[in-house]
Every structure is written in structure tokens, then in C-alpha cells.
Amino acid sequence: MSAQQRILVVDDTPQNVKLFADLLTAKGYEVTTATNGEQALESIAKRPPDLVLLDIMMPGINGYEVCRKIRENPATALLPVVLATSLDPNQERVKGIEAGADDFLAKPVNQAELFARVRSLLRIKGLQDERLARLKSFFSPQLAEAIAAGKGEEVLKTHRREITVEFFDLRSFTAFTDAAEPEEVMELLRSFHGALGKIVLEHQGTLERFAGDAVMVFFNDPLPVEKPADQAVRTALAVQEAFAPIAQHWHKRSGFELGLGVGIAQGYATLGAIGFEGRWDYAAIGTVTNLAARLCAEAKGGQILADRKTMAALEGAFEFDPVGPFELKGFSKPVPAFALKT
């Protein structure tokens, strides 16, 4: 059993809390406690446990309501919950199932039954955690959690939404690949992707795809993001800052002047799962993605270019200089663009 398996015991009776805590601690589990529903929810929000052992009858928020709130939150929707009650177990079981409970214990508790139910639910949670980790290798954490919680069909179905799209592309990468060893090319990409991926996830972005040195990210889908244009610009600034030492490293090592161009555009796109059984991607398709890619192609190393809609959505939060207009492939008229002042 992993030492990281933690159980939250919630009960308004101190004797019950101590009994459960002592029994579970003796079996090697890490135990935290709460004496009411409000404390339980605060504890879960700060540091989600691996299982919640929850009394039903408590003052304020009762066990049923705590369970419902746990299930409503995508981050804890799969958290195992065991309801404990001294009331009629048959009657309480129906209410507990409706609230989303995974299992039940009758008071006074049978120790063998307690340990058996805890072991069973923690084993299931371990399998769910493994599945979620695999999903996060392909999807953003928000999307992976929604899929693991059984909401994948709803989230992944084709829909239309306004998003902010952002393209990143390395400058002088082709020349670098012609001169560098294959291992060096992969080393550069790993460091670039590692730095970018962490920042994108921190800013609630969705990584649409890696295409060598080019990366597409969008904001406000599959889950809504407040001020997606603002998040996109902040992401671009953070990635440029993180890339600077990577570029310096390779300049000293190989003499190449690597740079990073960024293009940002806002507009409506069609989004959803594309692919085939066994290999699905989550994609955004539309003019807005093409515009962001074209602006990125025009951006110089260290430059961030945005379209007019992004400017309007930012409402003056950042300063830009007008550039262009540019003759962009796929666009019949010259496109105005704006370079972020840094």
C-alpha cells in the first residue's frame, strides 16, 4: 500500500472521528479529519484525499450535500465517498446513491467490513488515476478529467465556439536541423516543448498539436476561460521569457540565433474530436486558426503579433503598435496586425 493513500474522516462526534482515525492509522493510512461538511469541503479543495469516509447526519451541510458537491466538481467527481450512518441502512442507501456515494457503512462499524470497503475503493481509484494519467498525456488536464468523469461524449462532440488561437514557431530552426545532429534537434525540441507545455497548462490553454517546432494552442475550449485573449497574451509573454535561456544555450553551443515568433487571433471555430477508433485528437478548425498561423509566420523572433479582434477583446490591457497590413495566404484582402510592446 502506498504511503500517499490518504483518507478524510468527517464526523461531528469526536469519539467517532477518533475511532475511525485510530483504526485507519493502524493500517498504515494517512488520516485527516473534519467535524462538519464545511470543513470537509475546504479540506478537499486544499488537498484532495484518496477517499472520504463521511457521516450523514451533521449540522449545517449534511453528508448527502457534501457528496453532491464533491460530484459536481470535475476535479473530484471520481473521488471515492463512503457514507456512514446509524439510521435505517436501506432507506439511507437510496438517498446516498442519488447523492453519488460509492459505498456505505452501518454504525456501529464492523472493522473487517470497514477495511474491506476501503481497500476495494482505493484499488479502483488507483486504476482510475492510471487512466487519467494516460489521458493527460494527450489532453489538457481539464479535458482529461471531464472524460474520466464520464462527460467525454458531451465535451468531445462537434460544436462551435469563439476561441483565442495562438501559434508558436521557432525561427532559424530549419538551418539548425540542417547543421545539427538528430540528437541535438530532439534535445532542443524537448526543452522547448517542456517549457511551453507547462506554461500553457498553467494558463488554462489547450494544446492542439505539436508539429516539430510549431505548436498550436487555443483558449476557451473545451472548458470556458475568463478573458481568453488576455490569457493568450500572458502565455506568449511567459513562453518568450522561458525560451530566452534555451536560445542562449544553443547560441553558445552551436552559434545559431534561434528565435520564437507568436501569432494570436480570435474568432469562431468548429471544435471536437477528430480521428478514428483507437486514435482521437481534439481539434479546432476554422479561419481563426489559419489567421493565427499566418500571423505567426510573419512574426520575427521575439515578436508577438495579434489580429484586430484580439486587440478589441483585450480592451487596452496591453500596448500594441500597428504593423502591416500583411498579404496573407488564404485571405483575399490585406490583414492589419498589431505587435505587442514588450
Protein backbone atom coordinates (compact mmCIF):
# COMPACT_ATOMS: atom_id res chain seq x y z
CA MET A 1 0.00 0.00 0.00
CA SER A 2 1.33 3.43 -0.93
CA ALA A 3 2.12 5.79 1.95
CA GLN A 4 0.40 8.52 -0.06
CA GLN A 5 -3.04 6.98 0.33
CA ARG A 6 -4.94 9.49 2.45
CA ILE A 7 -8.41 9.21 3.95
CA LEU A 8 -10.53 12.13 5.13
CA VAL A 9 -12.78 11.21 8.07
CA VAL A 10 -15.78 13.53 8.51
CA ASP A 11 -17.99 13.22 11.59
CA ASP A 12 -19.40 15.69 14.12
CA THR A 13 -18.93 13.23 17.01
CA PRO A 14 -15.34 13.37 18.37
CA GLN A 15 -15.45 9.75 19.57
CA ASN A 16 -16.33 8.52 16.08
CA VAL A 17 -13.60 10.63 14.49
CA LYS A 18 -11.01 9.22 16.89
CA LEU A 19 -12.22 5.64 16.39
CA PHE A 20 -12.02 5.79 12.59
CA ALA A 21 -8.72 7.69 12.66
CA ASP A 22 -7.11 5.21 15.05
CA LEU A 23 -8.29 2.17 13.08
CA LEU A 24 -7.18 3.52 9.73
CA THR A 25 -3.87 4.88 11.00
CA ALA A 26 -3.07 1.49 12.48
CA LYS A 27 -3.47 0.02 8.98
CA GLY A 28 -0.93 2.48 7.56
CA TYR A 29 -3.23 5.07 6.04
CA GLU A 30 -2.64 8.80 6.41
CA VAL A 31 -5.75 10.26 8.04
CA THR A 32 -7.07 13.82 8.09
CA THR A 33 -10.27 14.81 9.86
CA ALA A 34 -13.13 17.30 9.72
CA THR A 35 -16.03 17.81 12.12
CA ASN A 36 -18.60 19.20 9.66
CA GLY A 37 -19.41 19.46 5.98
CA GLU A 38 -17.94 22.93 5.52
CA GLN A 39 -14.57 21.86 6.92
CA ALA A 40 -14.65 18.75 4.76
CA LEU A 41 -15.14 20.72 1.53
CA GLU A 42 -12.40 23.18 2.48
CA SER A 43 -10.02 20.30 3.20
CA ILE A 44 -10.83 18.60 -0.11
CA ALA A 45 -10.31 21.85 -2.03
CA LYS A 46 -6.88 22.41 -0.44
CA ARG A 47 -5.62 18.85 -0.73
CA PRO A 48 -7.93 16.21 -2.18
CA PRO A 49 -7.68 12.87 -0.30
CA ASP A 50 -7.83 9.44 -1.89
CA LEU A 51 -11.10 8.56 -0.10
CA VAL A 52 -13.70 10.29 2.07
CA LEU A 53 -15.38 8.49 4.98
CA LEU A 54 -18.41 10.69 5.54
CA ASP A 55 -21.05 10.79 8.28
CA ILE A 56 -24.56 11.54 7.03
CA MET A 57 -26.19 13.32 9.95
CA MET A 58 -24.23 16.50 10.69
CA PRO A 59 -25.23 20.08 11.49
CA GLY A 60 -25.09 22.56 8.62
CA ILE A 61 -24.21 20.75 5.39
CA ASN A 62 -25.11 17.08 5.83
CA GLY A 63 -23.30 14.16 4.27
CA TYR A 64 -25.61 13.96 1.26
CA GLU A 65 -24.97 17.58 0.31
CA VAL A 66 -21.21 17.20 0.77
CA CYS A 67 -21.31 14.19 -1.52
CA ARG A 68 -23.29 16.11 -4.16
CA LYS A 69 -20.79 18.98 -4.10
CA ILE A 70 -17.90 16.54 -4.49
CA ARG A 71 -19.59 15.03 -7.55
CA GLU A 72 -20.39 18.43 -9.10
CA ASN A 73 -16.72 19.42 -9.17
CA PRO A 74 -14.93 17.83 -12.20
CA ALA A 75 -11.68 17.72 -10.21
CA THR A 76 -13.26 15.49 -7.51
CA ALA A 77 -16.05 13.80 -9.46
CA LEU A 78 -14.33 10.42 -9.16
CA LEU A 79 -13.24 10.78 -5.53
CA PRO A 80 -14.47 7.69 -3.62
CA VAL A 81 -17.03 8.50 -0.91
CA VAL A 82 -18.22 6.08 1.78
CA LEU A 83 -21.29 7.19 3.75
CA ALA A 84 -21.56 6.06 7.37
CA THR A 85 -24.92 6.04 9.16
CA SER A 86 -26.69 4.66 12.22
CA LEU A 87 -30.09 5.15 10.56
CA ASP A 88 -32.07 2.62 8.54
CA PRO A 89 -29.45 1.44 6.00
CA ASN A 90 -32.00 0.54 3.31
CA GLN A 91 -33.64 3.96 3.36
CA GLU A 92 -30.33 5.84 3.56
CA ARG A 93 -28.79 3.76 0.77
CA VAL A 94 -31.26 5.08 -1.80
CA LYS A 95 -30.61 8.69 -0.78
CA GLY A 96 -26.88 8.04 -0.77
CA ILE A 97 -26.89 6.56 -4.26
CA GLU A 98 -28.83 9.57 -5.52
CA ALA A 99 -26.21 11.85 -3.93
CA GLY A 100 -23.39 9.93 -5.64
CA ALA A 101 -21.98 7.78 -2.83
CA ASP A 102 -19.79 4.81 -3.79
CA ASP A 103 -20.38 2.64 -0.72
CA PHE A 104 -21.99 2.53 2.74
CA LEU A 105 -21.14 1.54 6.30
CA ALA A 106 -23.58 0.93 9.13
CA LYS A 107 -22.80 2.20 12.63
CA PRO A 108 -21.53 0.77 14.89
CA VAL A 109 -18.91 -0.07 12.31
CA ASN A 110 -17.62 -3.57 11.68
CA GLN A 111 -13.83 -3.28 11.42
CA ALA A 112 -13.36 -6.05 8.87
CA GLU A 113 -16.08 -4.54 6.69
CA LEU A 114 -14.51 -1.06 7.01
CA PHE A 115 -11.08 -2.23 5.87
CA ALA A 116 -12.52 -4.33 3.04
CA ARG A 117 -14.54 -1.45 1.61
CA VAL A 118 -11.64 0.99 1.92
CA ARG A 119 -9.21 -1.38 0.18
CA SER A 120 -11.68 -2.06 -2.63
CA LEU A 121 -12.40 1.60 -3.36
CA LEU A 122 -8.74 2.61 -3.18
CA ARG A 123 -7.87 -0.14 -5.63
CA ILE A 124 -10.50 1.18 -8.06
CA LYS A 125 -9.25 4.73 -7.57
CA GLY A 126 -5.72 3.59 -8.39
CA LEU A 127 -6.92 2.23 -11.71
CA GLN A 128 -8.82 5.46 -12.41
CA ASP A 129 -5.73 7.52 -11.60
CA GLU A 130 -3.69 5.47 -14.07
CA ARG A 131 -6.31 6.04 -16.77
CA LEU A 132 -6.41 9.76 -16.01
CA ALA A 133 -2.61 9.98 -16.23
CA ARG A 134 -2.72 8.37 -19.68
CA LEU A 135 -5.45 10.76 -20.81
CA LYS A 136 -3.40 13.75 -19.63
CA SER A 137 -0.63 12.60 -21.97
CA PHE A 138 -2.93 13.52 -24.87
CA PHE A 139 -5.41 16.08 -23.49
CA SER A 140 -5.36 19.10 -21.21
CA PRO A 141 -5.99 18.30 -17.52
CA GLN A 142 -9.47 19.87 -17.69
CA LEU A 143 -10.46 17.78 -20.71
CA ALA A 144 -8.90 14.61 -19.32
CA GLU A 145 -10.80 14.99 -16.04
CA ALA A 146 -14.07 15.55 -17.90
CA ILE A 147 -13.51 12.40 -19.97
CA ALA A 148 -12.54 10.34 -16.92
CA ALA A 149 -15.65 11.59 -15.10
CA GLY A 150 -17.84 10.22 -17.89
CA LYS A 151 -18.55 13.55 -19.58
CA GLY A 152 -16.34 12.86 -22.58
CA GLU A 153 -19.14 12.36 -25.10
CA GLU A 154 -20.68 15.71 -24.21
CA VAL A 155 -17.36 17.58 -24.24
CA LEU A 156 -15.92 15.97 -27.37
CA LYS A 157 -18.94 16.29 -29.66
CA THR A 158 -18.66 18.79 -32.51
CA HIS A 159 -19.63 22.32 -31.56
CA ARG A 160 -18.97 25.95 -32.45
CA ARG A 161 -17.42 28.46 -30.04
CA GLU A 162 -15.42 31.69 -30.05
CA ILE A 163 -11.83 30.97 -29.07
CA THR A 164 -8.46 32.66 -28.98
CA VAL A 165 -5.87 30.76 -31.03
CA GLU A 166 -2.12 31.06 -30.58
CA PHE A 167 0.69 29.71 -32.76
CA PHE A 168 4.33 29.39 -31.71
CA ASP A 169 7.11 28.74 -34.22
CA LEU A 170 10.91 28.65 -33.91
CA ARG A 171 12.96 30.95 -36.13
CA SER A 172 16.13 29.57 -37.83
CA PHE A 173 15.01 26.04 -36.91
CA THR A 174 15.42 24.69 -40.47
CA ALA A 175 19.01 25.90 -40.64
CA PHE A 176 19.63 24.41 -37.21
CA THR A 177 18.28 20.99 -38.23
CA ASP A 178 20.46 21.01 -41.37
CA ALA A 179 23.62 21.54 -39.33
CA ALA A 180 22.85 19.83 -36.01
CA GLU A 181 22.89 16.16 -35.12
CA PRO A 182 19.47 14.47 -34.81
CA GLU A 183 20.01 14.02 -31.07
CA GLU A 184 20.62 17.75 -30.72
CA VAL A 185 17.42 18.56 -32.62
CA MET A 186 15.40 16.32 -30.30
CA GLU A 187 17.12 17.84 -27.26
CA LEU A 188 16.13 21.34 -28.38
CA LEU A 189 12.54 20.31 -29.04
CA ARG A 190 12.22 18.55 -25.70
CA SER A 191 13.39 21.62 -23.80
CA PHE A 192 11.16 23.93 -25.89
CA HIS A 193 8.07 21.73 -25.61
CA GLY A 194 8.65 21.11 -21.90
CA ALA A 195 8.84 24.81 -21.09
CA LEU A 196 5.90 25.73 -23.34
CA GLY A 197 3.63 22.90 -22.22
CA LYS A 198 3.93 23.73 -18.54
CA ILE A 199 3.13 27.41 -19.14
CA VAL A 200 0.16 26.67 -21.41
CA LEU A 201 -1.44 24.38 -18.84
CA GLU A 202 -0.86 26.92 -16.07
CA HIS A 203 -2.80 29.47 -18.16
CA GLN A 204 -5.70 27.06 -18.88
CA GLY A 205 -4.82 26.62 -22.53
CA THR A 206 -5.49 23.57 -24.68
CA LEU A 207 -2.54 22.20 -26.64
CA GLU A 208 -4.00 21.34 -30.02
CA ARG A 209 -0.89 19.86 -31.58
CA PHE A 210 2.88 19.76 -31.77
CA ALA A 211 4.26 19.86 -35.31
CA GLY A 212 8.01 19.82 -34.77
CA ASP A 213 8.98 23.39 -33.99
CA ALA A 214 5.42 24.71 -34.45
CA VAL A 215 2.80 24.50 -31.70
CA MET A 216 -0.90 25.46 -31.75
CA VAL A 217 -2.76 26.39 -28.57
CA PHE A 218 -6.27 27.71 -28.01
CA PHE A 219 -8.22 29.16 -25.11
CA ASN A 220 -11.89 29.00 -24.04
CA ASP A 221 -12.49 25.40 -25.08
CA PRO A 222 -13.26 22.65 -24.16
CA LEU A 223 -13.91 24.42 -20.87
CA PRO A 224 -14.71 28.15 -20.68
CA VAL A 225 -11.88 30.52 -19.75
CA GLU A 226 -12.40 34.02 -18.42
CA LYS A 227 -10.68 36.57 -20.71
CA PRO A 228 -9.12 34.06 -23.15
CA ALA A 229 -7.33 36.78 -25.17
CA ASP A 230 -5.69 38.04 -22.00
CA GLN A 231 -4.60 34.50 -21.10
CA ALA A 232 -3.18 34.02 -24.59
CA VAL A 233 -1.03 37.15 -24.40
CA ARG A 234 0.21 36.29 -20.91
CA THR A 235 1.04 32.80 -22.13
CA ALA A 236 3.00 34.20 -25.07
CA LEU A 237 4.99 36.52 -22.81
CA ALA A 238 5.78 33.72 -20.36
CA VAL A 239 6.85 31.35 -23.15
CA GLN A 240 9.09 34.01 -24.72
CA GLU A 241 10.73 34.56 -21.34
CA ALA A 242 11.18 30.82 -20.77
CA PHE A 243 12.63 30.35 -24.27
CA ALA A 244 15.31 33.05 -23.87
CA PRO A 245 17.74 30.89 -21.84
CA ILE A 246 17.13 27.96 -24.20
CA ALA A 247 18.10 30.14 -27.17
CA GLN A 248 21.16 31.45 -25.30
CA HIS A 249 22.26 27.89 -24.51
CA TRP A 250 22.14 26.82 -28.15
CA HIS A 251 23.81 30.02 -29.34
CA LYS A 252 26.79 29.30 -27.10
CA ARG A 253 26.79 25.65 -28.07
CA SER A 254 26.27 25.87 -31.84
CA GLY A 255 26.34 29.54 -32.83
CA PHE A 256 22.74 29.58 -34.07
CA GLU A 257 20.47 32.57 -33.39
CA LEU A 258 17.22 30.81 -32.57
CA GLY A 259 14.11 32.92 -32.02
CA LEU A 260 10.41 32.40 -31.30
CA GLY A 261 7.58 34.03 -33.23
CA VAL A 262 4.00 34.12 -31.96
CA GLY A 263 0.70 34.82 -33.73
CA ILE A 264 -2.63 35.33 -31.93
CA ALA A 265 -6.14 35.57 -33.42
CA GLN A 266 -9.67 35.46 -32.03
CA GLY A 267 -12.83 34.20 -33.70
CA TYR A 268 -15.30 31.34 -34.04
CA ALA A 269 -14.17 27.81 -34.83
CA THR A 270 -15.62 24.32 -35.09
CA LEU A 271 -14.24 22.12 -32.33
CA GLY A 272 -14.46 18.50 -31.32
CA ALA A 273 -12.86 15.08 -31.61
CA ILE A 274 -11.38 14.04 -34.95
CA GLY A 275 -9.65 10.80 -35.91
CA PHE A 276 -10.60 7.14 -35.77
CA GLU A 277 -11.22 4.43 -33.20
CA GLY A 278 -8.06 4.00 -31.16
CA ARG A 279 -6.55 7.37 -32.08
CA TRP A 280 -8.51 10.55 -31.42
CA ASP A 281 -7.36 14.16 -31.32
CA TYR A 282 -9.20 17.24 -30.11
CA ALA A 283 -9.07 19.91 -32.80
CA ALA A 284 -10.16 23.43 -33.71
CA ILE A 285 -10.94 24.12 -37.36
CA GLY A 286 -11.73 27.46 -38.95
CA THR A 287 -10.43 30.70 -40.40
CA VAL A 288 -9.25 31.86 -36.97
CA THR A 289 -6.70 29.02 -36.77
CA ASN A 290 -5.36 29.88 -40.24
CA LEU A 291 -5.09 33.56 -39.31
CA ALA A 292 -3.12 32.83 -36.15
CA ALA A 293 -0.76 30.57 -38.12
CA ARG A 294 -0.24 33.20 -40.83
CA LEU A 295 0.43 35.94 -38.28
CA CYS A 296 2.91 33.66 -36.55
CA ALA A 297 4.72 33.16 -39.88
CA GLU A 298 5.05 36.95 -40.23
CA ALA A 299 6.32 37.45 -36.67
CA LYS A 300 10.03 37.95 -36.19
CA GLY A 301 11.98 36.20 -33.46
CA GLY A 302 10.81 37.60 -30.12
CA GLN A 303 7.75 39.25 -31.69
CA ILE A 304 4.08 38.65 -30.78
CA LEU A 305 1.52 39.62 -33.45
CA ALA A 306 -2.23 39.82 -32.84
CA ASP A 307 -5.26 40.47 -35.03
CA ARG A 308 -7.84 43.23 -34.59
CA LYS A 309 -10.40 41.04 -32.74
CA THR A 310 -7.83 40.07 -30.16
CA MET A 311 -6.99 43.74 -29.68
CA ALA A 312 -10.67 44.56 -29.10
CA ALA A 313 -11.08 41.71 -26.61
CA LEU A 314 -8.05 42.89 -24.61
CA GLU A 315 -9.70 46.30 -24.03
CA GLY A 316 -6.40 48.14 -23.67
CA ALA A 317 -4.86 45.72 -21.16
CA PHE A 318 -1.67 45.63 -23.27
CA GLU A 319 0.04 48.11 -25.61
CA PHE A 320 0.48 47.33 -29.30
CA ASP A 321 1.99 49.00 -32.35
CA PRO A 322 0.18 48.64 -35.70
CA VAL A 323 2.14 46.72 -38.34
CA GLY A 324 1.31 45.55 -41.83
CA PRO A 325 -1.18 45.17 -43.29
CA PHE A 326 0.05 41.79 -44.48
CA GLU A 327 -0.78 39.88 -47.66
CA LEU A 328 -1.58 36.52 -46.09
CA LYS A 329 -2.12 33.25 -47.94
CA GLY A 330 -5.79 32.28 -47.89
CA PHE A 331 -7.03 35.84 -47.24
CA SER A 332 -8.36 37.90 -50.12
CA LYS A 333 -7.60 41.29 -48.54
CA PRO A 334 -4.56 42.63 -46.67
CA VAL A 335 -4.83 41.87 -42.95
CA PRO A 336 -4.00 44.52 -40.31
CA ALA A 337 -1.84 43.27 -37.46
CA PHE A 338 -0.53 44.61 -34.17
CA ALA A 339 2.81 43.91 -32.48
CA LEU A 340 2.84 43.68 -28.70
CA LYS A 341 5.07 46.22 -26.98
CA THR A 342 7.44 44.43 -24.60
